[in-house]
Amino acid sequence: MLATHKDAEERYTKLRLAVLDEINKDLHSSLPNLRAALIDQSALLESKRWESSPKRRVEWDWTEGYNAFRYRHPKRFEMALWNNRQLASLSLGRPTYQGTKLRLDFIEGNPGNAKDIRVFEYTFLAMAGYAEVLGAKELRVMNPINASVRQYYERFGLVYVPKSDYLFVRL
């Protein structure tokens, strides 16, 4: 890893951690069992358990995908959401090349989790916080998996762009 890449990784990791600390303050007061964190080896190991679930809707390898994404995008957005010691969700995105928008490229909830943990709600809040730190003025959710998921995202004020298959909201 080049020194400039390493410097960028360290600088943006500090920003990601600061945003997640703020999210955790909010979570602690209302939902003390939930905790937002960076994606680490324990989260990736836990996500391997999802692969055998018949309820899983995607076949994305979080370990391989995250490691490649992490190397290419030091400014990335990432979050592991934990419910006590169980991984509730993983999410991963990046700013656009101009830096004016923050994309959510991947989000997956634990297929064995109860539906009462609204993982997108907390991901959306963390994305908004990270976008603010970066100076991005728009959030995007790329390639929603189906119409019902797209409609769920629209309840957060996101607008669907069918031609490019993403949703957006201006901040």
C-alpha atoms as a PDB file:
ATOM      1  CA  MET A   1       0.000   0.000   0.000  1.00  0.00           C
ATOM      2  CA  LEU A   2       1.456   3.363  -0.997  1.00  0.00           C
ATOM      3  CA  ALA A   3       2.058   5.939   1.719  1.00  0.00           C
ATOM      4  CA  THR A   4      -0.585   8.280   0.291  1.00  0.00           C
ATOM      5  CA  HIS A   5      -3.127   5.439   0.132  1.00  0.00           C
ATOM      6  CA  LYS A   6      -2.276   4.461   3.710  1.00  0.00           C
ATOM      7  CA  ASP A   7      -2.636   8.086   4.832  1.00  0.00           C
ATOM      8  CA  ALA A   8      -6.039   8.336   3.152  1.00  0.00           C
ATOM      9  CA  GLU A   9      -7.144   5.061   4.745  1.00  0.00           C
ATOM     10  CA  GLU A  10      -6.149   6.303   8.200  1.00  0.00           C
ATOM     11  CA  ARG A  11      -7.700   9.747   7.718  1.00  0.00           C
ATOM     12  CA  TYR A  12     -11.063   8.416   6.503  1.00  0.00           C
ATOM     13  CA  THR A  13     -11.142   5.643   9.100  1.00  0.00           C
ATOM     14  CA  LYS A  14     -11.021   8.357  11.777  1.00  0.00           C
ATOM     15  CA  LEU A  15     -13.961  10.110  10.101  1.00  0.00           C
ATOM     16  CA  ARG A  16     -15.944   6.861   9.834  1.00  0.00           C
ATOM     17  CA  LEU A  17     -15.313   6.114  13.507  1.00  0.00           C
ATOM     18  CA  ALA A  18     -16.423   9.597  14.569  1.00  0.00           C
ATOM     19  CA  VAL A  19     -19.706   9.189  12.673  1.00  0.00           C
ATOM     20  CA  LEU A  20     -20.302   5.730  14.150  1.00  0.00           C
ATOM     21  CA  ASP A  21     -19.588   7.080  17.642  1.00  0.00           C
ATOM     22  CA  GLU A  22     -22.385   9.621  17.149  1.00  0.00           C
ATOM     23  CA  ILE A  23     -24.747   6.911  15.892  1.00  0.00           C
ATOM     24  CA  ASN A  24     -23.892   4.795  18.939  1.00  0.00           C
ATOM     25  CA  LYS A  25     -24.746   7.659  21.287  1.00  0.00           C
ATOM     26  CA  ASP A  26     -28.209   7.815  19.723  1.00  0.00           C
ATOM     27  CA  LEU A  27     -28.589   4.032  19.771  1.00  0.00           C
ATOM     28  CA  HIS A  28     -27.461   3.724  23.382  1.00  0.00           C
ATOM     29  CA  SER A  29     -30.264   5.960  24.637  1.00  0.00           C
ATOM     30  CA  SER A  30     -33.059   4.187  22.758  1.00  0.00           C
ATOM     31  CA  LEU A  31     -31.752   0.719  21.793  1.00  0.00           C
ATOM     32  CA  PRO A  32     -28.838  -0.199  24.078  1.00  0.00           C
ATOM     33  CA  ASN A  33     -28.455  -3.671  22.538  1.00  0.00           C
ATOM     34  CA  LEU A  34     -27.560  -2.208  19.119  1.00  0.00           C
ATOM     35  CA  ARG A  35     -24.047  -1.057  18.266  1.00  0.00           C
ATOM     36  CA  ALA A  36     -22.604   0.319  15.024  1.00  0.00           C
ATOM     37  CA  ALA A  37     -18.992  -0.519  14.191  1.00  0.00           C
ATOM     38  CA  LEU A  38     -16.561  -0.689  11.327  1.00  0.00           C
ATOM     39  CA  ILE A  39     -16.503  -3.951   9.423  1.00  0.00           C
ATOM     40  CA  ASP A  40     -13.778  -6.111  10.948  1.00  0.00           C
ATOM     41  CA  GLN A  41     -12.689  -9.742  10.861  1.00  0.00           C
ATOM     42  CA  SER A  42     -15.264 -10.787  13.464  1.00  0.00           C
ATOM     43  CA  ALA A  43     -18.063  -9.251  11.366  1.00  0.00           C
ATOM     44  CA  LEU A  44     -16.783 -10.937   8.217  1.00  0.00           C
ATOM     45  CA  LEU A  45     -16.484 -14.270  10.015  1.00  0.00           C
ATOM     46  CA  GLU A  46     -20.020 -13.904  11.373  1.00  0.00           C
ATOM     47  CA  SER A  47     -21.324 -13.077   7.882  1.00  0.00           C
ATOM     48  CA  LYS A  48     -20.058 -16.468   6.677  1.00  0.00           C
ATOM     49  CA  ARG A  49     -22.877 -18.029   8.715  1.00  0.00           C
ATOM     50  CA  TRP A  50     -25.387 -16.261   6.493  1.00  0.00           C
ATOM     51  CA  GLU A  51     -24.232 -18.213   3.446  1.00  0.00           C
ATOM     52  CA  SER A  52     -26.092 -21.383   4.456  1.00  0.00           C
ATOM     53  CA  SER A  53     -29.370 -19.634   5.262  1.00  0.00           C
ATOM     54  CA  PRO A  54     -32.278 -20.553   2.974  1.00  0.00           C
ATOM     55  CA  LYS A  55     -33.691 -17.055   3.669  1.00  0.00           C
ATOM     56  CA  ARG A  56     -30.684 -15.300   2.162  1.00  0.00           C
ATOM     57  CA  ARG A  57     -31.540 -13.315  -1.007  1.00  0.00           C
ATOM     58  CA  VAL A  58     -28.039 -12.607  -2.319  1.00  0.00           C
ATOM     59  CA  GLU A  59     -24.901 -14.637  -2.892  1.00  0.00           C
ATOM     60  CA  TRP A  60     -22.304 -11.963  -2.244  1.00  0.00           C
ATOM     61  CA  ASP A  61     -19.140 -12.989  -0.421  1.00  0.00           C
ATOM     62  CA  TRP A  62     -18.641 -10.247   2.148  1.00  0.00           C
ATOM     63  CA  THR A  63     -15.059 -11.219   2.969  1.00  0.00           C
ATOM     64  CA  GLU A  64     -13.799 -11.212  -0.596  1.00  0.00           C
ATOM     65  CA  GLY A  65     -15.981  -8.286  -1.668  1.00  0.00           C
ATOM     66  CA  TYR A  66     -15.162  -6.124   1.340  1.00  0.00           C
ATOM     67  CA  ASN A  67     -11.414  -6.658   1.052  1.00  0.00           C
ATOM     68  CA  ALA A  68     -11.407  -5.678  -2.635  1.00  0.00           C
ATOM     69  CA  PHE A  69     -13.712  -2.694  -2.015  1.00  0.00           C
ATOM     70  CA  ARG A  70     -11.660  -1.569   0.965  1.00  0.00           C
ATOM     71  CA  TYR A  71      -8.460  -1.499  -1.039  1.00  0.00           C
ATOM     72  CA  ARG A  72      -9.974   0.439  -3.957  1.00  0.00           C
ATOM     73  CA  HIS A  73     -11.986   2.946  -1.916  1.00  0.00           C
ATOM     74  CA  PRO A  74     -10.270   4.430   1.161  1.00  0.00           C
ATOM     75  CA  LYS A  75     -13.073   7.039   1.436  1.00  0.00           C
ATOM     76  CA  ARG A  76     -15.718   4.291   1.607  1.00  0.00           C
ATOM     77  CA  PHE A  77     -18.737   4.148   3.875  1.00  0.00           C
ATOM     78  CA  GLU A  78     -18.923   0.958   5.914  1.00  0.00           C
ATOM     79  CA  MET A  79     -20.926  -0.241   8.858  1.00  0.00           C
ATOM     80  CA  ALA A  80     -21.476  -3.443  10.790  1.00  0.00           C
ATOM     81  CA  LEU A  81     -24.581  -3.276  12.975  1.00  0.00           C
ATOM     82  CA  TRP A  82     -24.550  -5.593  15.970  1.00  0.00           C
ATOM     83  CA  ASN A  83     -27.472  -6.678  18.152  1.00  0.00           C
ATOM     84  CA  ASN A  84     -25.732  -7.792  21.335  1.00  0.00           C
ATOM     85  CA  ARG A  85     -23.208 -10.290  19.943  1.00  0.00           C
ATOM     86  CA  GLN A  86     -25.143 -11.149  16.796  1.00  0.00           C
ATOM     87  CA  LEU A  87     -24.347  -9.394  13.532  1.00  0.00           C
ATOM     88  CA  ALA A  88     -27.543  -7.680  12.352  1.00  0.00           C
ATOM     89  CA  SER A  89     -26.295  -6.167   9.078  1.00  0.00           C
ATOM     90  CA  LEU A  90     -23.379  -5.111   6.933  1.00  0.00           C
ATOM     91  CA  SER A  91     -23.350  -2.142   4.582  1.00  0.00           C
ATOM     92  CA  LEU A  92     -20.789  -0.744   2.204  1.00  0.00           C
ATOM     93  CA  GLY A  93     -20.677   2.211  -0.168  1.00  0.00           C
ATOM     94  CA  ARG A  94     -18.503   5.021  -1.429  1.00  0.00           C
ATOM     95  CA  PRO A  95     -18.570   8.651  -2.457  1.00  0.00           C
ATOM     96  CA  THR A  96     -18.912   9.379  -6.153  1.00  0.00           C
ATOM     97  CA  TYR A  97     -15.703  10.420  -7.865  1.00  0.00           C
ATOM     98  CA  GLN A  98     -16.700  14.096  -7.651  1.00  0.00           C
ATOM     99  CA  GLY A  99     -17.404  13.637  -3.923  1.00  0.00           C
ATOM    100  CA  THR A 100     -20.821  15.297  -4.130  1.00  0.00           C
ATOM    101  CA  LYS A 101     -22.826  12.108  -3.544  1.00  0.00           C
ATOM    102  CA  LEU A 102     -22.507   9.118  -1.229  1.00  0.00           C
ATOM    103  CA  ARG A 103     -23.597   5.756  -2.650  1.00  0.00           C
ATOM    104  CA  LEU A 104     -24.761   2.684  -0.777  1.00  0.00           C
ATOM    105  CA  ASP A 105     -23.633  -0.197  -2.949  1.00  0.00           C
ATOM    106  CA  PHE A 106     -24.245  -3.162  -0.636  1.00  0.00           C
ATOM    107  CA  ILE A 107     -26.476  -3.740   2.356  1.00  0.00           C
ATOM    108  CA  GLU A 108     -27.514  -7.053   3.813  1.00  0.00           C
ATOM    109  CA  GLY A 109     -29.392  -7.872   6.966  1.00  0.00           C
ATOM    110  CA  ASN A 110     -28.811 -11.074   8.845  1.00  0.00           C
ATOM    111  CA  PRO A 111     -31.276 -13.493   7.221  1.00  0.00           C
ATOM    112  CA  GLY A 112     -31.911 -15.126  10.609  1.00  0.00           C
ATOM    113  CA  ASN A 113     -32.641 -11.859  12.444  1.00  0.00           C
ATOM    114  CA  ALA A 114     -36.046 -10.752  13.557  1.00  0.00           C
ATOM    115  CA  LYS A 115     -37.582  -8.096  11.326  1.00  0.00           C
ATOM    116  CA  ASP A 116     -37.972  -5.680  14.245  1.00  0.00           C
ATOM    117  CA  ILE A 117     -34.380  -4.470  13.790  1.00  0.00           C
ATOM    118  CA  ARG A 118     -34.692  -1.819  11.110  1.00  0.00           C
ATOM    119  CA  VAL A 119     -31.166  -2.041   9.742  1.00  0.00           C
ATOM    120  CA  PHE A 120     -31.693   0.352   6.838  1.00  0.00           C
ATOM    121  CA  GLU A 121     -32.903   3.108   9.160  1.00  0.00           C
ATOM    122  CA  TYR A 122     -29.606   3.083  11.075  1.00  0.00           C
ATOM    123  CA  THR A 123     -27.563   2.676   7.907  1.00  0.00           C
ATOM    124  CA  PHE A 124     -29.357   5.682   6.410  1.00  0.00           C
ATOM    125  CA  LEU A 125     -28.579   7.787   9.512  1.00  0.00           C
ATOM    126  CA  ALA A 126     -24.919   6.755   9.439  1.00  0.00           C
ATOM    127  CA  MET A 127     -24.704   7.513   5.712  1.00  0.00           C
ATOM    128  CA  ALA A 128     -26.201  10.961   6.254  1.00  0.00           C
ATOM    129  CA  GLY A 129     -23.649  11.653   8.987  1.00  0.00           C
ATOM    130  CA  TYR A 130     -20.744  10.487   6.852  1.00  0.00           C
ATOM    131  CA  ALA A 131     -22.013  12.446   3.839  1.00  0.00           C
ATOM    132  CA  GLU A 132     -22.100  15.580   5.989  1.00  0.00           C
ATOM    133  CA  VAL A 133     -18.491  15.044   7.083  1.00  0.00           C
ATOM    134  CA  LEU A 134     -17.426  14.531   3.457  1.00  0.00           C
ATOM    135  CA  GLY A 135     -19.423  17.492   2.153  1.00  0.00           C
ATOM    136  CA  ALA A 136     -21.642  15.283  -0.027  1.00  0.00           C
ATOM    137  CA  LYS A 137     -25.085  16.721  -0.780  1.00  0.00           C
ATOM    138  CA  GLU A 138     -26.892  13.586  -1.926  1.00  0.00           C
ATOM    139  CA  LEU A 139     -27.350   9.984  -0.800  1.00  0.00           C
ATOM    140  CA  ARG A 140     -27.877   7.188  -3.299  1.00  0.00           C
ATOM    141  CA  VAL A 141     -28.952   3.585  -2.856  1.00  0.00           C
ATOM    142  CA  MET A 142     -27.776   1.590  -5.837  1.00  0.00           C
ATOM    143  CA  ASN A 143     -29.622  -1.310  -7.476  1.00  0.00           C
ATOM    144  CA  PRO A 144     -32.416  -2.155  -5.013  1.00  0.00           C
ATOM    145  CA  ILE A 145     -32.984  -5.910  -5.052  1.00  0.00           C
ATOM    146  CA  ASN A 146     -36.719  -5.789  -5.883  1.00  0.00           C
ATOM    147  CA  ALA A 147     -39.790  -3.545  -6.012  1.00  0.00           C
ATOM    148  CA  SER A 148     -40.835  -4.082  -2.392  1.00  0.00           C
ATOM    149  CA  VAL A 149     -37.364  -3.138  -1.122  1.00  0.00           C
ATOM    150  CA  ARG A 150     -37.381  -0.105  -3.428  1.00  0.00           C
ATOM    151  CA  GLN A 151     -40.768   0.949  -2.032  1.00  0.00           C
ATOM    152  CA  TYR A 152     -39.435   0.542   1.501  1.00  0.00           C
ATOM    153  CA  TYR A 153     -36.529   2.877   0.693  1.00  0.00           C
ATOM    154  CA  GLU A 154     -38.963   5.391  -0.791  1.00  0.00           C
ATOM    155  CA  ARG A 155     -40.558   5.703   2.662  1.00  0.00           C
ATOM    156  CA  PHE A 156     -37.327   7.425   3.738  1.00  0.00           C
ATOM    157  CA  GLY A 157     -37.811  10.128   1.110  1.00  0.00           C
ATOM    158  CA  LEU A 158     -35.625   8.485  -1.525  1.00  0.00           C
ATOM    159  CA  VAL A 159     -36.749   8.932  -5.134  1.00  0.00           C
ATOM    160  CA  TYR A 160     -36.297   6.121  -7.652  1.00  0.00           C
ATOM    161  CA  VAL A 161     -34.490   6.707 -10.963  1.00  0.00           C
ATOM    162  CA  PRO A 162     -35.550   3.712 -13.107  1.00  0.00           C
ATOM    163  CA  LYS A 163     -33.192   4.360 -16.022  1.00  0.00           C
ATOM    164  CA  SER A 164     -30.120   3.986 -13.802  1.00  0.00           C
ATOM    165  CA  ASP A 165     -31.716   1.744 -11.113  1.00  0.00           C
ATOM    166  CA  TYR A 166     -30.928   3.761  -7.999  1.00  0.00           C
ATOM    167  CA  LEU A 167     -32.726   5.894  -5.438  1.00  0.00           C
ATOM    168  CA  PHE A 168     -31.562   9.276  -4.172  1.00  0.00           C
ATOM    169  CA  VAL A 169     -32.317  11.993  -1.665  1.00  0.00           C
ATOM    170  CA  ARG A 170     -30.749  15.437  -1.498  1.00  0.00           C
ATOM    171  CA  LEU A 171     -29.480  16.494   1.896  1.00  0.00           C
END
